[in-house]
Amino acid sequence: MYAIIQTGGKQYKVSELDKIKVEKLDVEEGSEISFDVVAVSTDAGFKAGTPFVEGASVKGKVLSNGKGKKLYVMTYKPKKNEKKKIGHRQPFTEVQITAIVG
């Protein structure tokens, strides 16, 4: 059994007990969260929603909030002696899927 959920403008294929890193959510560590289900596959068959499947939900537990690995970006303008090194760390929330209902 698997489901396709949508959060943070992205879609993720998940099964029970999966750990995924999603865009940062405004929730505390250890709390429960529910996701919108775009599609779900069970033993009975496959259901796709328009845009979401009614009566289906995915429950998860927030494991941690953090920041990803630092990425560096260089900007450069030739003949102007102008350059800048910029670093970015994308915030994320790590979630473990506990149940798929649907």
N, C-alpha and C. Protein backbone atom coordinates (compact mmCIF):
# COMPACT_ATOMS: atom_id res chain seq x y z
N MET A 1 0.84 -1.16 0.00
CA MET A 1 0.00 0.00 0.00
C MET A 1 0.89 1.24 0.00
N TYR A 2 0.59 2.18 -0.88
CA TYR A 2 1.32 3.43 -0.90
C TYR A 2 0.36 4.56 -1.23
N ALA A 3 0.82 5.78 -0.96
CA ALA A 3 0.02 6.96 -1.24
C ALA A 3 0.93 8.05 -1.80
N ILE A 4 0.35 8.96 -2.53
CA ILE A 4 1.06 10.12 -3.02
C ILE A 4 0.49 11.33 -2.31
N ILE A 5 1.34 12.01 -1.54
CA ILE A 5 0.88 13.15 -0.75
C ILE A 5 1.44 14.44 -1.35
N GLN A 6 0.81 15.54 -0.98
CA GLN A 6 1.26 16.84 -1.46
C GLN A 6 1.50 17.75 -0.27
N THR A 7 2.69 18.34 -0.22
CA THR A 7 3.02 19.32 0.81
C THR A 7 4.16 20.19 0.31
N GLY A 8 4.10 21.46 0.61
CA GLY A 8 5.16 22.38 0.21
C GLY A 8 5.30 22.54 -1.28
N GLY A 9 4.20 22.34 -2.03
CA GLY A 9 4.27 22.48 -3.48
C GLY A 9 4.91 21.30 -4.19
N LYS A 10 5.17 20.22 -3.47
CA LYS A 10 5.79 19.03 -4.05
C LYS A 10 4.94 17.82 -3.72
N GLN A 11 5.14 16.74 -4.48
CA GLN A 11 4.44 15.50 -4.23
C GLN A 11 5.44 14.41 -3.88
N TYR A 12 5.07 13.55 -2.93
CA TYR A 12 5.94 12.48 -2.45
C TYR A 12 5.20 11.16 -2.45
N LYS A 13 5.86 10.09 -2.89
CA LYS A 13 5.30 8.75 -2.82
C LYS A 13 5.76 8.14 -1.50
N VAL A 14 4.80 7.75 -0.65
CA VAL A 14 5.14 7.25 0.68
C VAL A 14 4.43 5.93 0.97
N SER A 15 5.05 5.15 1.83
CA SER A 15 4.47 3.94 2.40
C SER A 15 4.57 4.06 3.91
N GLU A 16 3.95 3.12 4.63
CA GLU A 16 4.04 3.17 6.09
C GLU A 16 5.47 2.97 6.54
N LEU A 17 5.85 3.66 7.61
CA LEU A 17 7.17 3.63 8.24
C LEU A 17 8.26 4.30 7.41
N ASP A 18 7.92 4.99 6.31
CA ASP A 18 8.90 5.74 5.54
C ASP A 18 9.29 7.00 6.30
N LYS A 19 10.54 7.42 6.13
CA LYS A 19 11.00 8.70 6.65
C LYS A 19 11.28 9.61 5.46
N ILE A 20 10.66 10.78 5.46
CA ILE A 20 10.85 11.72 4.36
C ILE A 20 11.22 13.09 4.91
N LYS A 21 11.96 13.84 4.11
CA LYS A 21 12.28 15.23 4.43
C LYS A 21 11.46 16.11 3.51
N VAL A 22 10.61 16.95 4.11
CA VAL A 22 9.73 17.83 3.33
C VAL A 22 10.10 19.28 3.63
N GLU A 23 9.53 20.19 2.86
CA GLU A 23 9.73 21.61 3.12
C GLU A 23 9.32 21.91 4.55
N LYS A 24 9.96 22.89 5.16
CA LYS A 24 9.73 23.17 6.58
C LYS A 24 8.26 23.42 6.88
N LEU A 25 7.75 22.69 7.90
CA LEU A 25 6.39 22.84 8.38
C LEU A 25 6.41 23.52 9.75
N ASP A 26 5.38 24.28 10.05
CA ASP A 26 5.32 25.00 11.31
C ASP A 26 4.70 24.12 12.40
N VAL A 27 5.42 23.05 12.76
CA VAL A 27 4.99 22.11 13.80
C VAL A 27 6.19 21.78 14.68
N GLU A 28 5.89 21.35 15.90
CA GLU A 28 6.96 21.00 16.84
C GLU A 28 7.34 19.53 16.70
N GLU A 29 8.55 19.21 17.17
CA GLU A 29 9.02 17.83 17.13
C GLU A 29 8.16 16.96 18.04
N GLY A 30 7.85 15.75 17.57
CA GLY A 30 7.06 14.81 18.36
C GLY A 30 5.56 14.93 18.14
N SER A 31 5.11 15.94 17.41
CA SER A 31 3.67 16.11 17.20
C SER A 31 3.21 15.32 15.98
N GLU A 32 1.90 15.10 15.88
CA GLU A 32 1.30 14.38 14.76
C GLU A 32 0.89 15.38 13.69
N ILE A 33 0.90 14.93 12.43
CA ILE A 33 0.52 15.78 11.31
C ILE A 33 -0.23 14.94 10.29
N SER A 34 -1.13 15.57 9.56
CA SER A 34 -1.92 14.88 8.53
C SER A 34 -1.67 15.55 7.18
N PHE A 35 -1.55 14.76 6.13
CA PHE A 35 -1.26 15.26 4.79
C PHE A 35 -2.44 15.03 3.85
N ASP A 36 -2.56 15.88 2.83
CA ASP A 36 -3.54 15.69 1.78
C ASP A 36 -3.07 14.58 0.85
N VAL A 37 -3.99 13.71 0.43
CA VAL A 37 -3.64 12.57 -0.42
C VAL A 37 -4.10 12.85 -1.85
N VAL A 38 -3.16 12.82 -2.79
CA VAL A 38 -3.46 13.03 -4.20
C VAL A 38 -3.92 11.73 -4.84
N ALA A 39 -3.27 10.61 -4.47
CA ALA A 39 -3.63 9.30 -5.00
C ALA A 39 -3.26 8.25 -3.96
N VAL A 40 -4.00 7.13 -3.99
CA VAL A 40 -3.73 6.06 -3.05
C VAL A 40 -3.90 4.72 -3.76
N SER A 41 -3.00 3.78 -3.45
CA SER A 41 -3.06 2.45 -4.02
C SER A 41 -3.21 1.45 -2.88
N THR A 42 -4.27 0.64 -2.93
CA THR A 42 -4.51 -0.38 -1.91
C THR A 42 -4.68 -1.72 -2.60
N ASP A 43 -5.01 -2.73 -1.82
CA ASP A 43 -5.28 -4.05 -2.39
C ASP A 43 -6.53 -4.01 -3.27
N ALA A 44 -7.46 -3.12 -2.96
CA ALA A 44 -8.70 -3.01 -3.72
C ALA A 44 -8.50 -2.31 -5.06
N GLY A 45 -7.42 -1.54 -5.20
CA GLY A 45 -7.17 -0.85 -6.46
C GLY A 45 -6.54 0.51 -6.24
N PHE A 46 -6.52 1.28 -7.31
CA PHE A 46 -5.88 2.59 -7.32
C PHE A 46 -6.95 3.67 -7.40
N LYS A 47 -6.85 4.71 -6.55
CA LYS A 47 -7.77 5.83 -6.59
C LYS A 47 -6.98 7.12 -6.74
N ALA A 48 -7.38 7.94 -7.71
CA ALA A 48 -6.77 9.25 -7.90
C ALA A 48 -7.82 10.30 -7.59
N GLY A 49 -7.39 11.39 -6.98
CA GLY A 49 -8.32 12.44 -6.59
C GLY A 49 -8.38 13.57 -7.58
N THR A 50 -9.39 14.42 -7.40
CA THR A 50 -9.53 15.61 -8.24
C THR A 50 -9.75 16.82 -7.36
N PRO A 51 -8.85 17.48 -6.73
CA PRO A 51 -7.41 17.19 -6.71
C PRO A 51 -7.01 16.22 -5.60
N PHE A 52 -7.85 16.01 -4.58
CA PHE A 52 -7.49 15.12 -3.49
C PHE A 52 -8.52 14.00 -3.35
N VAL A 53 -8.09 12.86 -2.81
CA VAL A 53 -8.97 11.71 -2.60
C VAL A 53 -9.79 11.97 -1.33
N GLU A 54 -11.11 11.91 -1.46
CA GLU A 54 -11.97 12.15 -0.31
C GLU A 54 -11.93 10.95 0.63
N GLY A 55 -11.86 11.23 1.92
CA GLY A 55 -11.85 10.17 2.92
C GLY A 55 -10.50 9.53 3.14
N ALA A 56 -9.49 9.92 2.39
CA ALA A 56 -8.15 9.35 2.54
C ALA A 56 -7.24 10.37 3.24
N SER A 57 -6.38 9.86 4.09
CA SER A 57 -5.41 10.73 4.75
C SER A 57 -4.16 9.94 5.09
N VAL A 58 -3.09 10.65 5.27
CA VAL A 58 -1.82 10.06 5.68
C VAL A 58 -1.41 10.74 6.97
N LYS A 59 -1.16 9.94 7.99
CA LYS A 59 -0.74 10.46 9.29
C LYS A 59 0.77 10.28 9.43
N GLY A 60 1.40 11.26 10.05
CA GLY A 60 2.84 11.20 10.26
C GLY A 60 3.24 11.80 11.58
N LYS A 61 4.44 11.44 12.02
CA LYS A 61 4.99 11.98 13.27
C LYS A 61 6.24 12.78 12.91
N VAL A 62 6.33 14.00 13.45
CA VAL A 62 7.47 14.87 13.16
C VAL A 62 8.65 14.40 14.00
N LEU A 63 9.74 14.04 13.31
CA LEU A 63 10.93 13.58 14.01
C LEU A 63 11.87 14.73 14.35
N SER A 64 12.08 15.64 13.39
CA SER A 64 12.99 16.75 13.65
C SER A 64 12.77 17.87 12.65
N ASN A 65 13.20 19.05 13.05
CA ASN A 65 13.29 20.20 12.17
C ASN A 65 14.77 20.54 12.05
N GLY A 66 15.21 20.91 10.87
CA GLY A 66 16.63 21.22 10.72
C GLY A 66 16.91 21.96 9.43
N LYS A 67 18.19 22.05 9.12
CA LYS A 67 18.64 22.70 7.90
C LYS A 67 19.49 21.72 7.11
N GLY A 68 19.41 21.80 5.80
CA GLY A 68 20.16 20.91 4.94
C GLY A 68 21.61 21.34 4.81
N LYS A 69 22.33 20.64 3.97
CA LYS A 69 23.72 20.92 3.70
C LYS A 69 23.86 22.28 3.04
N LYS A 70 24.93 23.00 3.34
CA LYS A 70 25.13 24.33 2.79
C LYS A 70 25.51 24.25 1.31
N LEU A 71 24.83 25.06 0.50
CA LEU A 71 25.13 25.18 -0.92
C LEU A 71 25.70 26.57 -1.16
N TYR A 72 26.69 26.66 -2.01
CA TYR A 72 27.32 27.94 -2.31
C TYR A 72 26.97 28.39 -3.73
N VAL A 73 26.73 29.68 -3.85
CA VAL A 73 26.43 30.28 -5.14
C VAL A 73 27.37 31.46 -5.33
N MET A 74 27.96 31.59 -6.51
CA MET A 74 28.84 32.72 -6.82
C MET A 74 28.16 33.61 -7.84
N THR A 75 28.16 34.92 -7.58
CA THR A 75 27.72 35.88 -8.59
C THR A 75 28.95 36.64 -9.04
N TYR A 76 29.02 36.96 -10.32
CA TYR A 76 30.21 37.54 -10.90
C TYR A 76 29.82 38.45 -12.05
N LYS A 77 30.39 39.65 -12.07
CA LYS A 77 30.19 40.57 -13.19
C LYS A 77 31.55 40.89 -13.79
N PRO A 78 31.77 40.45 -15.01
CA PRO A 78 33.09 40.68 -15.61
C PRO A 78 33.36 42.17 -15.84
N LYS A 79 34.62 42.53 -15.78
CA LYS A 79 35.12 43.89 -16.03
C LYS A 79 34.67 44.91 -14.99
N LYS A 80 33.97 44.49 -13.95
CA LYS A 80 33.49 45.41 -12.92
C LYS A 80 34.15 45.13 -11.56
N ASN A 81 34.96 44.08 -11.50
CA ASN A 81 35.61 43.65 -10.25
C ASN A 81 34.57 43.44 -9.15
N GLU A 82 33.46 42.81 -9.54
CA GLU A 82 32.37 42.57 -8.59
C GLU A 82 32.08 41.07 -8.54
N LYS A 83 32.25 40.48 -7.37
CA LYS A 83 31.91 39.08 -7.17
C LYS A 83 31.45 38.89 -5.74
N LYS A 84 30.56 37.90 -5.55
CA LYS A 84 30.00 37.66 -4.23
C LYS A 84 29.76 36.17 -4.06
N LYS A 85 30.14 35.66 -2.90
CA LYS A 85 29.92 34.25 -2.58
C LYS A 85 28.77 34.19 -1.57
N ILE A 86 27.71 33.48 -1.91
CA ILE A 86 26.52 33.41 -1.07
C ILE A 86 26.28 31.95 -0.69
N GLY A 87 26.00 31.71 0.58
CA GLY A 87 25.68 30.37 1.06
C GLY A 87 24.20 30.28 1.42
N HIS A 88 23.63 29.08 1.25
CA HIS A 88 22.21 28.86 1.57
C HIS A 88 22.03 27.48 2.18
N ARG A 89 21.25 27.41 3.27
CA ARG A 89 20.87 26.14 3.89
C ARG A 89 19.36 26.07 3.91
N GLN A 90 18.80 25.11 3.17
CA GLN A 90 17.35 24.96 3.06
C GLN A 90 16.78 24.32 4.32
N PRO A 91 15.82 24.95 4.98
CA PRO A 91 15.20 24.33 6.16
C PRO A 91 14.28 23.18 5.74
N PHE A 92 14.21 22.14 6.59
CA PHE A 92 13.37 20.98 6.30
C PHE A 92 12.74 20.46 7.58
N THR A 93 11.74 19.61 7.41
CA THR A 93 11.12 18.88 8.50
C THR A 93 11.18 17.40 8.14
N GLU A 94 11.70 16.58 9.05
CA GLU A 94 11.76 15.14 8.81
C GLU A 94 10.53 14.50 9.45
N VAL A 95 9.80 13.72 8.65
CA VAL A 95 8.55 13.12 9.09
C VAL A 95 8.60 11.62 8.87
N GLN A 96 8.10 10.85 9.85
CA GLN A 96 7.94 9.41 9.67
C GLN A 96 6.45 9.13 9.49
N ILE A 97 6.12 8.41 8.40
CA ILE A 97 4.73 8.08 8.09
C ILE A 97 4.29 6.95 9.02
N THR A 98 3.19 7.17 9.75
CA THR A 98 2.71 6.17 10.70
C THR A 98 1.52 5.39 10.19
N ALA A 99 0.64 6.03 9.40
CA ALA A 99 -0.56 5.31 8.93
C ALA A 99 -1.07 5.92 7.62
N ILE A 100 -1.59 5.05 6.77
CA ILE A 100 -2.26 5.47 5.54
C ILE A 100 -3.70 4.99 5.64
N VAL A 101 -4.63 5.95 5.64
CA VAL A 101 -6.06 5.62 5.76
C VAL A 101 -6.71 5.92 4.41
N GLY A 102 -7.36 4.95 3.84
CA GLY A 102 -8.02 5.25 2.58
C GLY A 102 -8.31 4.01 1.83
